[in-house]
N, C-alpha and C. Protein backbone atom coordinates (compact mmCIF):
# COMPACT_ATOMS: atom_id res chain seq x y z
N UNK A 1 -104.10 40.08 25.70
CA UNK A 1 -103.96 38.64 25.72
C UNK A 1 -102.84 38.27 26.69
N UNK A 2 -103.07 37.31 27.57
CA UNK A 2 -102.02 36.93 28.53
C UNK A 2 -100.85 36.24 27.83
N UNK A 3 -99.70 36.31 28.46
CA UNK A 3 -98.50 35.66 27.94
C UNK A 3 -98.72 34.14 27.95
N UNK A 4 -98.51 33.52 26.83
CA UNK A 4 -98.68 32.07 26.72
C UNK A 4 -97.41 31.36 27.17
N UNK A 5 -97.53 30.16 27.74
CA UNK A 5 -96.32 29.45 28.17
C UNK A 5 -95.48 29.03 26.96
N UNK A 6 -94.18 28.95 27.18
CA UNK A 6 -93.27 28.60 26.09
C UNK A 6 -93.59 27.24 25.49
N UNK A 7 -94.05 26.31 26.30
CA UNK A 7 -94.36 24.98 25.77
C UNK A 7 -95.50 25.05 24.76
N UNK A 8 -96.38 26.06 24.89
CA UNK A 8 -97.45 26.25 23.90
C UNK A 8 -96.83 26.52 22.52
N UNK A 9 -95.86 27.41 22.46
CA UNK A 9 -95.24 27.75 21.18
C UNK A 9 -94.51 26.55 20.58
N UNK A 10 -93.84 25.78 21.42
CA UNK A 10 -93.15 24.58 20.92
C UNK A 10 -94.15 23.55 20.41
N UNK A 11 -95.22 23.33 21.15
CA UNK A 11 -96.23 22.37 20.73
C UNK A 11 -96.90 22.83 19.44
N UNK A 12 -97.20 24.11 19.37
CA UNK A 12 -97.82 24.65 18.17
C UNK A 12 -96.89 24.50 16.96
N UNK A 13 -95.61 24.78 17.16
CA UNK A 13 -94.64 24.60 16.09
C UNK A 13 -94.59 23.15 15.64
N UNK A 14 -94.58 22.24 16.59
CA UNK A 14 -94.53 20.81 16.25
C UNK A 14 -95.73 20.42 15.40
N UNK A 15 -96.91 20.86 15.78
CA UNK A 15 -98.11 20.53 15.01
C UNK A 15 -98.03 21.13 13.61
N UNK A 16 -97.64 22.39 13.51
CA UNK A 16 -97.56 23.03 12.20
C UNK A 16 -96.49 22.40 11.31
N UNK A 17 -95.34 22.10 11.89
CA UNK A 17 -94.29 21.45 11.10
C UNK A 17 -94.73 20.06 10.65
N UNK A 18 -95.41 19.34 11.52
CA UNK A 18 -95.90 18.01 11.16
C UNK A 18 -96.91 18.10 10.02
N UNK A 19 -97.81 19.04 10.12
CA UNK A 19 -98.79 19.22 9.03
C UNK A 19 -98.11 19.62 7.73
N UNK A 20 -97.13 20.53 7.82
CA UNK A 20 -96.43 20.95 6.61
C UNK A 20 -95.64 19.79 6.01
N UNK A 21 -94.98 19.03 6.85
CA UNK A 21 -94.25 17.86 6.35
C UNK A 21 -95.21 16.87 5.69
N UNK A 22 -96.38 16.70 6.27
CA UNK A 22 -97.36 15.80 5.67
C UNK A 22 -97.80 16.32 4.31
N UNK A 23 -98.04 17.62 4.20
CA UNK A 23 -98.40 18.19 2.90
C UNK A 23 -97.28 18.00 1.88
N UNK A 24 -96.05 18.05 2.36
CA UNK A 24 -94.90 17.92 1.48
C UNK A 24 -94.62 16.47 1.11
N UNK A 25 -94.56 15.62 2.12
CA UNK A 25 -94.12 14.25 1.90
C UNK A 25 -95.23 13.32 1.45
N UNK A 26 -96.47 13.64 1.75
CA UNK A 26 -97.59 12.76 1.39
C UNK A 26 -98.77 13.56 0.88
N UNK A 27 -98.59 14.33 -0.18
CA UNK A 27 -99.68 15.19 -0.65
C UNK A 27 -100.91 14.42 -1.10
N UNK A 28 -100.74 13.19 -1.53
CA UNK A 28 -101.87 12.39 -2.01
C UNK A 28 -102.68 11.77 -0.87
N UNK A 29 -102.25 11.94 0.36
CA UNK A 29 -102.92 11.32 1.50
C UNK A 29 -103.39 12.36 2.51
N UNK A 30 -103.81 13.53 2.03
CA UNK A 30 -104.17 14.62 2.92
C UNK A 30 -105.34 14.29 3.84
N UNK A 31 -106.33 13.59 3.34
CA UNK A 31 -107.51 13.33 4.16
C UNK A 31 -107.25 12.31 5.25
N UNK A 32 -106.14 11.60 5.17
CA UNK A 32 -105.86 10.54 6.14
C UNK A 32 -104.69 10.87 7.04
N UNK A 33 -104.50 12.13 7.34
CA UNK A 33 -103.33 12.52 8.13
C UNK A 33 -103.23 11.77 9.45
N UNK A 34 -104.28 11.79 10.24
CA UNK A 34 -104.24 11.16 11.56
C UNK A 34 -103.95 9.68 11.50
N UNK A 35 -104.51 9.01 10.51
CA UNK A 35 -104.31 7.57 10.41
C UNK A 35 -102.96 7.24 9.79
N UNK A 36 -102.27 8.23 9.29
CA UNK A 36 -100.99 7.99 8.62
C UNK A 36 -99.82 8.63 9.36
N UNK A 37 -99.97 8.88 10.64
CA UNK A 37 -98.88 9.51 11.39
C UNK A 37 -97.63 8.65 11.38
N UNK A 38 -97.79 7.34 11.46
CA UNK A 38 -96.64 6.43 11.44
C UNK A 38 -95.89 6.49 10.12
N UNK A 39 -96.62 6.51 9.03
CA UNK A 39 -95.98 6.57 7.71
C UNK A 39 -95.27 7.91 7.53
N UNK A 40 -95.85 8.98 8.07
CA UNK A 40 -95.19 10.28 8.00
C UNK A 40 -93.90 10.27 8.81
N UNK A 41 -93.92 9.66 9.97
CA UNK A 41 -92.72 9.58 10.80
C UNK A 41 -91.62 8.81 10.08
N UNK A 42 -91.97 7.71 9.46
CA UNK A 42 -90.99 6.91 8.72
C UNK A 42 -90.45 7.71 7.53
N UNK A 43 -91.34 8.33 6.79
CA UNK A 43 -90.93 9.14 5.63
C UNK A 43 -90.01 10.26 6.06
N UNK A 44 -90.32 10.92 7.15
CA UNK A 44 -89.49 12.01 7.66
C UNK A 44 -88.12 11.49 8.12
N UNK A 45 -88.10 10.35 8.79
CA UNK A 45 -86.83 9.76 9.24
C UNK A 45 -85.94 9.40 8.05
N UNK A 46 -86.54 8.87 6.99
CA UNK A 46 -85.78 8.55 5.78
C UNK A 46 -85.24 9.83 5.16
N UNK A 47 -86.07 10.87 5.12
CA UNK A 47 -85.64 12.16 4.58
C UNK A 47 -84.45 12.72 5.34
N UNK A 48 -84.54 12.74 6.67
CA UNK A 48 -83.45 13.26 7.50
C UNK A 48 -82.18 12.44 7.27
N UNK A 49 -82.31 11.13 7.27
CA UNK A 49 -81.15 10.26 7.06
C UNK A 49 -80.53 10.50 5.68
N UNK A 50 -81.36 10.71 4.67
CA UNK A 50 -80.87 10.98 3.32
C UNK A 50 -80.06 12.28 3.30
N UNK A 51 -80.62 13.33 3.90
CA UNK A 51 -79.95 14.63 3.93
C UNK A 51 -78.62 14.52 4.69
N UNK A 52 -78.61 13.75 5.77
CA UNK A 52 -77.40 13.58 6.56
C UNK A 52 -76.39 12.64 5.92
N UNK A 53 -76.76 12.02 4.80
CA UNK A 53 -75.85 11.12 4.11
C UNK A 53 -75.67 9.78 4.80
N UNK A 54 -76.66 9.34 5.55
CA UNK A 54 -76.59 8.05 6.24
C UNK A 54 -77.91 7.30 6.08
N UNK A 55 -78.16 6.79 4.86
CA UNK A 55 -79.40 6.07 4.61
C UNK A 55 -79.61 4.96 5.65
N UNK A 56 -80.88 4.68 5.92
CA UNK A 56 -81.22 3.74 6.98
C UNK A 56 -81.84 2.47 6.44
N UNK A 57 -81.55 1.37 7.12
CA UNK A 57 -82.22 0.10 6.83
C UNK A 57 -83.56 0.10 7.56
N UNK A 58 -84.40 -0.86 7.22
CA UNK A 58 -85.69 -0.99 7.91
C UNK A 58 -85.49 -1.26 9.40
N UNK A 59 -84.50 -2.04 9.74
CA UNK A 59 -84.23 -2.34 11.14
C UNK A 59 -83.81 -1.09 11.91
N UNK A 60 -82.91 -0.30 11.34
CA UNK A 60 -82.49 0.94 12.00
C UNK A 60 -83.64 1.92 12.13
N UNK A 61 -84.49 1.99 11.11
CA UNK A 61 -85.67 2.85 11.19
C UNK A 61 -86.57 2.41 12.34
N UNK A 62 -86.83 1.12 12.40
CA UNK A 62 -87.68 0.57 13.45
C UNK A 62 -87.14 0.89 14.83
N UNK A 63 -85.86 0.70 15.01
CA UNK A 63 -85.22 0.97 16.29
C UNK A 63 -85.23 2.46 16.63
N UNK A 64 -84.91 3.29 15.66
CA UNK A 64 -84.77 4.72 15.95
C UNK A 64 -86.10 5.43 16.20
N UNK A 65 -87.18 4.98 15.58
CA UNK A 65 -88.45 5.68 15.78
C UNK A 65 -89.44 4.91 16.64
N UNK A 66 -89.09 3.69 17.02
CA UNK A 66 -89.93 2.94 17.95
C UNK A 66 -91.19 2.36 17.35
N UNK A 67 -91.16 2.04 16.08
CA UNK A 67 -92.30 1.40 15.41
C UNK A 67 -91.89 -0.03 15.09
N UNK A 68 -92.77 -1.02 15.32
CA UNK A 68 -92.41 -2.41 15.05
C UNK A 68 -91.95 -2.62 13.61
N UNK A 69 -90.98 -3.49 13.45
CA UNK A 69 -90.37 -3.75 12.14
C UNK A 69 -91.41 -4.13 11.07
N UNK A 70 -92.38 -5.02 11.35
CA UNK A 70 -93.36 -5.34 10.31
C UNK A 70 -94.15 -4.10 9.83
N UNK A 71 -94.45 -3.19 10.73
CA UNK A 71 -95.15 -1.96 10.37
C UNK A 71 -94.25 -1.08 9.52
N UNK A 72 -93.00 -0.97 9.90
CA UNK A 72 -92.03 -0.19 9.12
C UNK A 72 -91.93 -0.77 7.71
N UNK A 73 -91.81 -2.09 7.60
CA UNK A 73 -91.72 -2.74 6.29
C UNK A 73 -92.94 -2.42 5.43
N UNK A 74 -94.13 -2.51 6.02
CA UNK A 74 -95.36 -2.23 5.28
C UNK A 74 -95.39 -0.78 4.79
N UNK A 75 -95.04 0.15 5.67
CA UNK A 75 -95.03 1.57 5.29
C UNK A 75 -93.95 1.87 4.25
N UNK A 76 -92.81 1.23 4.36
CA UNK A 76 -91.75 1.44 3.37
C UNK A 76 -92.21 0.98 1.99
N UNK A 77 -92.93 -0.12 1.92
CA UNK A 77 -93.45 -0.59 0.63
C UNK A 77 -94.41 0.44 0.02
N UNK A 78 -95.26 1.02 0.86
CA UNK A 78 -96.20 2.05 0.39
C UNK A 78 -95.44 3.27 -0.12
N UNK A 79 -94.46 3.72 0.65
CA UNK A 79 -93.68 4.90 0.26
C UNK A 79 -92.89 4.65 -1.03
N UNK A 80 -92.35 3.46 -1.19
CA UNK A 80 -91.64 3.13 -2.43
C UNK A 80 -92.61 3.10 -3.61
N UNK A 81 -93.77 2.51 -3.40
CA UNK A 81 -94.77 2.43 -4.46
C UNK A 81 -95.23 3.83 -4.89
N UNK A 82 -95.33 4.76 -3.93
CA UNK A 82 -95.73 6.14 -4.23
C UNK A 82 -94.60 6.96 -4.86
N UNK A 83 -93.37 6.44 -4.84
CA UNK A 83 -92.24 7.17 -5.40
C UNK A 83 -91.65 8.20 -4.47
N UNK A 84 -92.08 8.20 -3.22
CA UNK A 84 -91.58 9.14 -2.24
C UNK A 84 -90.16 8.78 -1.82
N UNK A 85 -89.93 7.51 -1.61
CA UNK A 85 -88.59 7.03 -1.26
C UNK A 85 -88.20 5.93 -2.23
N UNK A 86 -86.93 5.58 -2.20
CA UNK A 86 -86.41 4.51 -3.05
C UNK A 86 -85.58 3.56 -2.21
N UNK A 87 -85.61 2.31 -2.60
CA UNK A 87 -84.76 1.32 -1.95
C UNK A 87 -83.48 1.22 -2.76
N UNK A 88 -82.36 1.30 -2.05
CA UNK A 88 -81.04 1.17 -2.68
C UNK A 88 -80.31 0.06 -1.95
N UNK A 89 -80.47 -1.16 -2.42
CA UNK A 89 -79.92 -2.32 -1.71
C UNK A 89 -80.72 -2.56 -0.45
N UNK A 90 -80.05 -2.46 0.70
CA UNK A 90 -80.71 -2.68 1.99
C UNK A 90 -81.16 -1.39 2.66
N UNK A 91 -80.84 -0.24 2.05
CA UNK A 91 -81.19 1.04 2.68
C UNK A 91 -82.26 1.77 1.87
N UNK A 92 -82.86 2.75 2.52
CA UNK A 92 -83.91 3.55 1.91
C UNK A 92 -83.48 5.01 1.89
N UNK A 93 -83.78 5.69 0.78
CA UNK A 93 -83.43 7.10 0.62
C UNK A 93 -84.63 7.84 0.03
N UNK A 94 -84.67 9.14 0.29
CA UNK A 94 -85.69 9.98 -0.33
C UNK A 94 -85.31 10.15 -1.79
N UNK A 95 -86.27 9.99 -2.68
CA UNK A 95 -85.99 10.08 -4.11
C UNK A 95 -85.54 11.49 -4.48
N UNK A 96 -84.75 11.58 -5.54
CA UNK A 96 -84.24 12.87 -6.00
C UNK A 96 -85.40 13.79 -6.39
N UNK A 97 -86.42 13.26 -7.01
CA UNK A 97 -87.60 14.05 -7.39
C UNK A 97 -88.27 14.64 -6.15
N UNK A 98 -88.38 13.84 -5.12
CA UNK A 98 -89.01 14.30 -3.88
C UNK A 98 -88.15 15.37 -3.20
N UNK A 99 -86.84 15.17 -3.18
CA UNK A 99 -85.93 16.16 -2.58
C UNK A 99 -86.05 17.51 -3.28
N UNK A 100 -86.13 17.47 -4.61
CA UNK A 100 -86.26 18.71 -5.38
C UNK A 100 -87.58 19.40 -5.06
N UNK A 101 -88.66 18.65 -4.98
CA UNK A 101 -89.97 19.22 -4.68
C UNK A 101 -89.99 19.85 -3.29
N UNK A 102 -89.40 19.16 -2.34
CA UNK A 102 -89.35 19.68 -0.97
C UNK A 102 -88.57 20.98 -0.93
N UNK A 103 -87.43 21.00 -1.60
CA UNK A 103 -86.59 22.20 -1.59
C UNK A 103 -87.33 23.38 -2.22
N UNK A 104 -88.03 23.15 -3.31
CA UNK A 104 -88.73 24.24 -4.00
C UNK A 104 -89.96 24.72 -3.25
N UNK A 105 -90.74 23.81 -2.70
CA UNK A 105 -92.05 24.18 -2.17
C UNK A 105 -92.07 24.57 -0.71
N UNK A 106 -91.22 24.01 0.11
CA UNK A 106 -91.47 24.13 1.53
C UNK A 106 -90.39 24.77 2.37
N UNK A 107 -89.25 25.03 1.82
CA UNK A 107 -88.18 25.60 2.62
C UNK A 107 -88.62 26.92 3.26
N UNK A 108 -89.19 27.80 2.45
CA UNK A 108 -89.59 29.11 2.97
C UNK A 108 -90.70 28.99 4.02
N UNK A 109 -91.67 28.13 3.78
CA UNK A 109 -92.77 27.96 4.72
C UNK A 109 -92.27 27.44 6.06
N UNK A 110 -91.45 26.41 6.02
CA UNK A 110 -90.93 25.83 7.27
C UNK A 110 -90.04 26.83 8.00
N UNK A 111 -89.21 27.53 7.28
CA UNK A 111 -88.33 28.52 7.89
C UNK A 111 -89.14 29.63 8.55
N UNK A 112 -90.18 30.09 7.90
CA UNK A 112 -91.02 31.16 8.47
C UNK A 112 -91.69 30.69 9.77
N UNK A 113 -92.16 29.46 9.80
CA UNK A 113 -92.81 28.94 11.01
C UNK A 113 -91.81 28.86 12.17
N UNK A 114 -90.61 28.41 11.88
CA UNK A 114 -89.59 28.31 12.93
C UNK A 114 -89.21 29.70 13.43
N UNK A 115 -89.05 30.66 12.52
CA UNK A 115 -88.71 32.04 12.93
C UNK A 115 -89.80 32.65 13.81
N UNK A 116 -91.05 32.45 13.44
CA UNK A 116 -92.16 33.00 14.23
C UNK A 116 -92.15 32.40 15.63
N UNK A 117 -91.96 31.10 15.71
CA UNK A 117 -91.92 30.46 17.02
C UNK A 117 -90.74 30.95 17.83
N UNK A 118 -89.60 31.12 17.19
CA UNK A 118 -88.42 31.62 17.89
C UNK A 118 -88.68 33.01 18.47
N UNK A 119 -89.33 33.87 17.71
CA UNK A 119 -89.66 35.21 18.22
C UNK A 119 -90.60 35.11 19.40
N UNK A 120 -91.59 34.24 19.33
CA UNK A 120 -92.54 34.08 20.43
C UNK A 120 -91.86 33.54 21.68
N UNK A 121 -90.89 32.66 21.50
CA UNK A 121 -90.18 32.09 22.66
C UNK A 121 -89.23 33.10 23.30
N UNK A 122 -88.74 34.04 22.53
CA UNK A 122 -87.77 35.00 23.07
C UNK A 122 -88.42 36.19 23.76
N UNK A 123 -89.72 36.24 23.77
CA UNK A 123 -90.42 37.36 24.46
C UNK A 123 -90.31 37.26 25.95
């Protein structure tokens, strides 16, 4: 098999991580992955901000990920209704239940995918 370009491994990792995050963050919406890419991006941004200890407002989310504010607001309402995230005043955070589930179910899977890609890139 010929040596694949490094960008292939990065692109492949991105797709796999996105799919894994979707399975983790939106397990009830598996059949609608493609149509829910925006909601996954918002959910992931809230998750990252929560872990970093800097919860985000809807406006900051809109600005940081480049999705119009009305769309962000609509997706935030869906995520809150599903219990994936919680509103705390003006900011949004990943719920404690969701954080626990992510830590238990996906840390090893995500880590393994990153390690495999790293090995492929170092060849």
